[in-house]
Protein backbone atom coordinates (compact mmCIF):
# COMPACT_ATOMS: atom_id res chain seq x y z
CA UNK A 1 115.09 100.45 93.12
CA UNK A 2 118.25 100.05 91.06
CA UNK A 3 120.65 102.98 91.08
CA UNK A 4 122.37 103.72 87.73
CA UNK A 5 123.97 107.02 88.50
CA UNK A 6 127.78 107.24 88.32
CA UNK A 7 127.91 109.99 90.86
CA UNK A 8 125.89 110.79 94.02
CA UNK A 9 123.55 113.73 93.55
CA UNK A 10 123.21 116.44 96.27
CA UNK A 11 119.69 117.74 96.77
CA UNK A 12 119.44 121.44 95.87
CA UNK A 13 116.88 124.11 95.09
CA UNK A 14 118.44 126.50 92.67
CA UNK A 15 116.82 128.77 89.83
CA UNK A 16 118.12 127.82 86.39
CA UNK A 17 117.37 128.24 82.67
CA UNK A 18 117.05 125.74 79.88
CA UNK A 19 118.61 127.64 76.95
CA UNK A 20 118.18 126.34 73.30
CA UNK A 21 117.59 127.99 69.88
CA UNK A 22 118.09 131.50 71.12
CA UNK A 23 115.34 131.23 73.89
CA UNK A 24 115.24 130.07 77.42
CA UNK A 25 112.83 128.42 79.76
CA UNK A 26 112.93 128.75 83.50
CA UNK A 27 113.57 125.69 85.74
CA UNK A 28 114.41 124.60 89.10
CA UNK A 29 117.43 122.41 89.67
CA UNK A 30 116.17 119.86 92.33
CA UNK A 31 119.45 117.77 92.53
CA UNK A 32 122.89 118.10 91.14
CA UNK A 33 126.16 116.19 90.76
CA UNK A 34 129.40 116.34 88.64
CA UNK A 35 127.68 114.33 86.06
CA UNK A 36 124.05 115.50 85.75
CA UNK A 37 120.99 116.83 87.36
CA UNK A 38 117.17 116.69 87.75
CA UNK A 39 115.20 119.71 86.76
CA UNK A 40 111.59 120.82 87.45
CA UNK A 41 110.00 122.77 84.50
CA UNK A 42 106.55 124.24 83.86
CA UNK A 43 106.17 121.79 80.90
CA UNK A 44 108.71 119.62 79.20
CA UNK A 45 106.92 119.96 76.09
CA UNK A 46 109.32 121.54 73.31
CA UNK A 47 112.47 121.10 75.27
CA UNK A 48 114.98 119.40 72.97
CA UNK A 49 117.09 116.46 73.68
CA UNK A 50 120.15 118.58 73.99
CA UNK A 51 120.40 122.14 75.51
CA UNK A 52 122.67 124.37 77.83
CA UNK A 53 121.73 124.54 81.43
CA UNK A 54 122.37 127.79 83.01
CA UNK A 55 122.58 128.38 86.75
CA UNK A 56 123.51 132.15 87.31
CA UNK A 57 124.01 132.02 91.15
CA UNK A 58 126.68 129.32 90.53
CA UNK A 59 128.25 130.84 87.24
CA UNK A 60 127.35 127.45 85.49
CA UNK A 61 126.74 127.10 81.80
CA UNK A 62 126.79 123.35 80.84
CA UNK A 63 125.78 121.47 77.69
CA UNK A 64 123.29 118.82 78.76
CA UNK A 65 121.49 115.74 77.16
CA UNK A 66 118.12 114.53 78.45
CA UNK A 67 118.12 111.07 80.00
CA UNK A 68 114.57 110.84 81.02
CA UNK A 69 111.32 112.79 81.25
CA UNK A 70 108.43 112.28 83.75
CA UNK A 71 105.51 114.79 84.06
CA UNK A 72 107.29 118.16 84.90
CA UNK A 73 110.68 116.67 85.64
CA UNK A 74 113.66 115.98 83.43
CA UNK A 75 116.77 114.11 84.16
CA UNK A 76 119.94 115.29 82.41
CA UNK A 77 123.53 114.20 82.09
CA UNK A 78 126.25 116.78 81.32
CA UNK A 79 127.89 116.48 77.87
């Protein structure tokens, strides 16, 4: 498999929130790097192409752009 990531991602298991339009959807951060992450969500339906990712435990609030979607997983890059 070809690796297109610019930074190595670290496997994590952190609670997060996808925030957009005044609302939020819970997610699980599955891997994380300085440039992006992979998220697990109940359903990717309705999640826009750009949103804020909040990880309260790490005091993180980053603007994101969706790079890929597959089943209940979303790959993002930080804006």
